[in-house]
Amino acid sequence: MKSATYVWLTVANPAGSDPDQTPDGLVCTRPLATLVTLGVTALIMWGLKRYYADAPVDDLGWILAPTAKLTTVVTGVAFEYQAGEGYLSRERLFLIAKACAGINFMIAAFGMTAWLGRRRATSALAAADVIVLSLVVSYAAAIVVNAARISAALWLGAHHVEAAWLTPGQFHRVEGIVFYFGGLLVLYDIVRRFEAGDRPGVPMAPLICYYAMTIAVPIANGSYGRPGFAGHLAVVFLLPLAWMAVLTAGRLLMARLKSSTP
């Protein structure tokens, strides 16, 4: 079986090789392999979402524990496990609970990464490699981004940073968008460099995946009728667009500066 790294990073098939023939003799057409990749990815995303919705916090140690440990490494703040609650810092009175697990980010990152890697699914084995590697990448990204978000929240809390025009709940929501959508943008840029070189492009994949998890899924679950959802919808819809506008302006400025440099 080819390694995941080979499937992910290979730019072209070796001369004379059949892209639809696996080393073990399994034959799978490229369109079918791509379809299977996306279909299995969608099923895994749905399964993760259902698992997260039903799982007690005690079953989420596989993502909460490394997040707490990485946060301790970054901030020096110690966390200890509290059954039925999560990971608690008694010093800061800060709890990393189920809602802080970052699994929604992981699901969005997984879908985005698999979508970007779909062209590598040239066979059944290659499709499996893309799916597995996308899961690993999204899991690692979720831990890093979530630990960064929690570290920032601890720093802001320690320095009593707040916005006078925002309630604590609104400030927390804005902070989450900055880190989670920003994390998707960074991950997108990293994966895109492997998949398509350094070609410029509008990052629609992270935007679509983020909107799917923060807008489409809550609407499908009936949250649109709950108090405060309109405000939530406005913030999570507009702030990522502002992120993208700033990013696009920055890229255009850098491109202009490069073109004007002798």
Protein backbone atom coordinates (compact mmCIF):
# COMPACT_ATOMS: atom_id res chain seq x y z
CA MET A 1 0.00 0.00 0.00
CA LYS A 2 1.34 3.42 -0.91
CA SER A 3 2.04 5.73 1.96
CA ALA A 4 -0.32 8.61 2.66
CA THR A 5 2.53 11.07 2.17
CA TYR A 6 3.26 9.69 -1.31
CA VAL A 7 -0.37 9.93 -2.38
CA TRP A 8 -0.73 13.39 -0.90
CA LEU A 9 2.43 15.02 -2.25
CA THR A 10 3.04 13.30 -5.60
CA VAL A 11 2.54 15.85 -8.34
CA ALA A 12 2.35 13.41 -11.23
CA ASN A 13 2.17 9.67 -11.73
CA PRO A 14 5.36 7.91 -12.80
CA ALA A 15 5.76 7.53 -16.52
CA GLY A 16 3.79 4.63 -17.88
CA SER A 17 1.82 4.01 -14.71
CA ASP A 18 -1.90 3.48 -14.71
CA PRO A 19 -3.54 5.98 -12.32
CA ASP A 20 -6.57 3.72 -11.96
CA GLN A 21 -4.62 0.58 -11.04
CA THR A 22 -3.50 0.03 -7.45
CA PRO A 23 -0.36 -1.96 -6.54
CA ASP A 24 -2.58 -4.74 -5.25
CA GLY A 25 -4.47 -5.07 -8.52
CA LEU A 26 -7.58 -3.22 -7.36
CA VAL A 27 -9.13 -1.20 -10.17
CA CYS A 28 -11.11 1.94 -9.44
CA THR A 29 -11.79 4.70 -11.96
CA ARG A 30 -10.72 8.17 -10.94
CA PRO A 31 -14.26 9.65 -10.93
CA LEU A 32 -15.53 6.74 -8.84
CA ALA A 33 -12.62 7.05 -6.40
CA THR A 34 -13.28 10.76 -6.03
CA LEU A 35 -16.98 10.14 -5.48
CA VAL A 36 -16.23 7.49 -2.87
CA THR A 37 -13.80 9.83 -1.13
CA LEU A 38 -16.34 12.62 -0.87
CA GLY A 39 -19.16 10.27 0.09
CA VAL A 40 -17.19 8.59 2.87
CA THR A 41 -15.98 12.01 4.03
CA ALA A 42 -19.57 13.24 4.30
CA LEU A 43 -20.57 10.13 6.28
CA ILE A 44 -17.66 10.56 8.68
CA MET A 45 -18.51 14.23 9.17
CA TRP A 46 -22.11 13.30 9.97
CA GLY A 47 -20.97 10.54 12.31
CA LEU A 48 -18.58 12.85 14.17
CA LYS A 49 -21.33 15.44 14.56
CA ARG A 50 -23.76 12.86 15.94
CA TYR A 51 -21.10 11.44 18.24
CA TYR A 52 -20.25 14.91 19.56
CA ALA A 53 -23.90 15.75 20.15
CA ASP A 54 -24.52 12.59 22.20
CA ALA A 55 -21.16 12.01 23.91
CA PRO A 56 -20.68 13.01 27.56
CA VAL A 57 -17.63 15.09 28.33
CA ASP A 58 -15.92 12.06 29.88
CA ASP A 59 -15.82 10.43 26.43
CA LEU A 60 -13.99 13.38 24.86
CA GLY A 61 -10.64 12.93 26.57
CA TRP A 62 -9.06 12.00 23.23
CA ILE A 63 -9.30 15.68 22.21
CA LEU A 64 -9.74 17.56 25.49
CA ALA A 65 -6.68 16.04 27.19
CA PRO A 66 -4.11 16.98 24.48
CA THR A 67 -5.74 20.41 24.16
CA ALA A 68 -5.35 21.01 27.90
CA LYS A 69 -1.74 19.76 27.84
CA LEU A 70 -0.79 21.97 24.91
CA THR A 71 -2.46 24.96 26.58
CA THR A 72 -0.38 24.27 29.70
CA VAL A 73 2.79 24.18 27.60
CA VAL A 74 1.93 27.52 25.99
CA THR A 75 0.65 29.39 29.05
CA GLY A 76 2.06 27.55 32.06
CA VAL A 77 -1.47 27.28 33.48
CA ALA A 78 -2.10 23.82 34.95
CA PHE A 79 -5.35 21.95 34.28
CA GLU A 80 -6.68 18.91 36.08
CA TYR A 81 -9.38 16.52 34.98
CA GLN A 82 -12.78 16.83 36.67
CA ALA A 83 -15.13 13.92 36.02
CA GLY A 84 -18.32 15.03 34.34
CA GLU A 85 -17.00 18.56 33.74
CA GLY A 86 -13.75 18.62 31.76
CA TYR A 87 -10.32 20.09 32.51
CA LEU A 88 -10.24 22.76 35.20
CA SER A 89 -7.66 25.39 36.08
CA ARG A 90 -8.25 26.18 39.74
CA GLU A 91 -5.77 29.03 39.51
CA ARG A 92 -7.72 30.82 36.75
CA LEU A 93 -11.17 29.31 37.44
CA PHE A 94 -11.23 28.31 33.78
CA LEU A 95 -12.93 25.14 32.58
CA ILE A 96 -12.21 23.41 29.27
CA ALA A 97 -15.62 21.80 28.91
CA LYS A 98 -17.39 19.86 26.18
CA ALA A 99 -18.31 23.05 24.34
CA CYS A 100 -14.57 23.88 24.16
CA ALA A 101 -13.60 20.59 22.52
CA GLY A 102 -13.19 22.07 19.03
CA ILE A 103 -14.85 19.11 17.35
CA ASN A 104 -16.96 21.34 15.11
CA PHE A 105 -13.73 22.90 13.86
CA MET A 106 -12.26 19.44 13.37
CA ILE A 107 -15.27 18.41 11.28
CA ALA A 108 -15.02 21.52 9.11
CA ALA A 109 -11.26 21.08 8.73
CA PHE A 110 -11.69 17.42 7.81
CA GLY A 111 -14.25 18.19 5.11
CA MET A 112 -12.15 20.99 3.69
CA THR A 113 -8.92 18.98 3.68
CA ALA A 114 -10.56 15.97 2.04
CA TRP A 115 -12.10 18.23 -0.59
CA LEU A 116 -8.73 19.78 -1.39
CA GLY A 117 -7.14 16.32 -1.60
CA ARG A 118 -9.88 14.72 -3.69
CA ARG A 119 -7.79 14.84 -6.88
CA ARG A 120 -5.28 12.50 -5.23
CA ALA A 121 -7.99 9.84 -4.96
CA THR A 122 -6.98 8.02 -8.15
CA SER A 123 -7.70 4.55 -6.75
CA ALA A 124 -9.42 2.84 -3.85
CA LEU A 125 -6.23 2.79 -1.80
CA ALA A 126 -5.43 6.39 -2.65
CA ALA A 127 -8.95 7.40 -1.59
CA ALA A 128 -8.42 5.67 1.76
CA ASP A 129 -5.09 7.47 2.16
CA VAL A 130 -6.70 10.85 1.48
CA ILE A 131 -9.46 10.20 4.04
CA VAL A 132 -7.12 8.93 6.75
CA LEU A 133 -4.60 11.71 6.24
CA SER A 134 -7.39 14.31 6.25
CA LEU A 135 -8.61 12.94 9.59
CA VAL A 136 -5.13 13.08 11.10
CA VAL A 137 -4.50 16.60 9.81
CA SER A 138 -7.88 17.90 11.02
CA TYR A 139 -7.40 16.31 14.46
CA ALA A 140 -3.96 17.89 14.88
CA ALA A 141 -5.22 21.24 13.58
CA ALA A 142 -8.16 21.19 16.00
CA ILE A 143 -5.85 20.67 18.98
CA VAL A 144 -3.44 23.42 17.91
CA VAL A 145 -6.10 25.99 17.01
CA ASN A 146 -8.21 25.25 20.09
CA ALA A 147 -5.19 25.47 22.40
CA ALA A 148 -4.29 28.80 20.79
CA ARG A 149 -7.83 30.09 21.32
CA ILE A 150 -7.91 29.02 24.96
CA SER A 151 -4.43 30.47 25.55
CA ALA A 152 -5.60 33.78 24.12
CA ALA A 153 -8.72 33.69 26.30
CA LEU A 154 -6.58 33.09 29.38
CA TRP A 155 -4.29 35.99 28.46
CA LEU A 156 -7.20 38.33 27.77
CA GLY A 157 -8.82 37.35 31.05
CA ALA A 158 -5.60 37.87 33.01
CA HIS A 159 -5.16 41.35 31.50
CA HIS A 160 -8.87 42.25 31.83
CA VAL A 161 -9.17 42.96 28.12
CA GLU A 162 -12.74 43.52 27.03
CA ALA A 163 -14.73 45.44 24.45
CA ALA A 164 -17.14 48.01 25.83
CA TRP A 165 -19.53 47.56 22.91
CA LEU A 166 -19.71 43.78 23.26
CA THR A 167 -21.24 41.60 25.94
CA PRO A 168 -19.02 38.79 27.30
CA GLY A 169 -20.97 36.30 25.18
CA GLN A 170 -20.53 38.37 22.02
CA PHE A 171 -16.83 38.87 22.75
CA HIS A 172 -16.43 35.11 23.17
CA ARG A 173 -18.21 34.52 19.85
CA VAL A 174 -15.97 37.00 18.02
CA GLU A 175 -12.89 35.41 19.56
CA GLY A 176 -14.06 31.99 18.39
CA ILE A 177 -14.62 33.22 14.83
CA VAL A 178 -11.20 34.86 14.71
CA PHE A 179 -9.42 31.66 15.75
CA TYR A 180 -11.60 28.98 14.15
CA PHE A 181 -12.16 30.65 10.79
CA GLY A 182 -8.62 31.97 10.86
CA GLY A 183 -7.42 28.43 11.57
CA LEU A 184 -9.32 27.14 8.54
CA LEU A 185 -7.72 29.83 6.38
CA VAL A 186 -4.22 28.91 7.57
CA LEU A 187 -4.87 25.19 7.08
CA TYR A 188 -6.32 25.87 3.64
CA ASP A 189 -3.23 27.80 2.61
CA ILE A 190 -0.90 25.04 3.85
CA VAL A 191 -2.78 22.20 2.14
CA ARG A 192 -3.32 24.21 -1.05
CA ARG A 193 0.44 24.63 -1.46
CA PHE A 194 0.80 20.84 -1.57
CA GLU A 195 -2.21 20.34 -3.80
CA ALA A 196 -1.97 23.17 -6.28
CA GLY A 197 1.37 24.85 -5.83
CA ASP A 198 1.52 28.51 -4.86
CA ARG A 199 -1.27 29.66 -7.15
CA PRO A 200 -3.39 32.55 -5.84
CA GLY A 201 -7.05 31.92 -5.29
CA VAL A 202 -10.07 32.99 -3.28
CA PRO A 203 -10.37 30.68 -0.23
CA MET A 204 -13.96 29.60 -0.78
CA ALA A 205 -13.49 26.11 0.71
CA PRO A 206 -12.86 27.32 4.29
CA LEU A 207 -15.73 29.80 4.03
CA ILE A 208 -18.19 27.14 2.82
CA CYS A 209 -17.09 24.63 5.46
CA TYR A 210 -17.30 27.26 8.21
CA TYR A 211 -20.77 28.38 7.13
CA ALA A 212 -21.88 24.76 6.94
CA MET A 213 -20.97 24.14 10.60
CA THR A 214 -22.02 27.49 12.06
CA ILE A 215 -25.10 28.34 9.98
CA ALA A 216 -26.43 25.40 7.95
CA VAL A 217 -26.23 22.77 10.70
CA PRO A 218 -27.87 24.94 13.40
CA ILE A 219 -30.66 25.87 10.96
CA ALA A 220 -31.17 22.19 10.09
CA ASN A 221 -31.39 21.43 13.81
CA GLY A 222 -34.12 24.04 14.30
CA SER A 223 -32.02 26.68 16.05
CA TYR A 224 -33.30 29.46 13.79
CA GLY A 225 -36.32 29.91 16.06
CA ARG A 226 -34.33 30.38 19.25
CA PRO A 227 -33.83 33.82 20.83
CA GLY A 228 -30.58 35.45 19.78
CA PHE A 229 -30.05 33.32 16.68
CA ALA A 230 -30.46 36.30 14.35
CA GLY A 231 -27.59 38.06 16.11
CA HIS A 232 -25.50 34.90 15.97
CA LEU A 233 -26.27 34.55 12.27
CA ALA A 234 -25.27 38.14 11.49
CA VAL A 235 -21.92 37.87 13.30
CA VAL A 236 -20.85 34.46 11.95
CA PHE A 237 -21.89 35.48 8.44
CA LEU A 238 -20.28 38.93 8.27
CA LEU A 239 -17.06 38.53 10.28
CA PRO A 240 -15.59 35.75 8.07
CA LEU A 241 -16.34 37.91 5.03
CA ALA A 242 -14.42 40.75 6.66
CA TRP A 243 -11.56 38.29 7.33
CA MET A 244 -11.52 37.35 3.66
CA ALA A 245 -11.69 40.97 2.50
CA VAL A 246 -8.64 41.84 4.59
CA LEU A 247 -6.81 38.72 3.39
CA THR A 248 -7.61 39.41 -0.27
CA ALA A 249 -6.55 43.05 0.05
CA GLY A 250 -3.29 41.97 1.66
CA ARG A 251 -2.56 39.46 -1.10
CA LEU A 252 -3.32 42.02 -3.81
CA LEU A 253 -1.04 44.52 -2.12
CA MET A 254 1.77 41.97 -1.85
CA ALA A 255 1.33 40.99 -5.50
CA ARG A 256 1.48 44.63 -6.56
CA LEU A 257 4.58 45.26 -4.50
CA LYS A 258 6.28 42.19 -6.01
CA SER A 259 5.37 43.25 -9.55
CA SER A 260 6.70 46.77 -8.99
CA THR A 261 10.00 45.53 -7.53
CA PRO A 262 12.76 45.72 -10.18
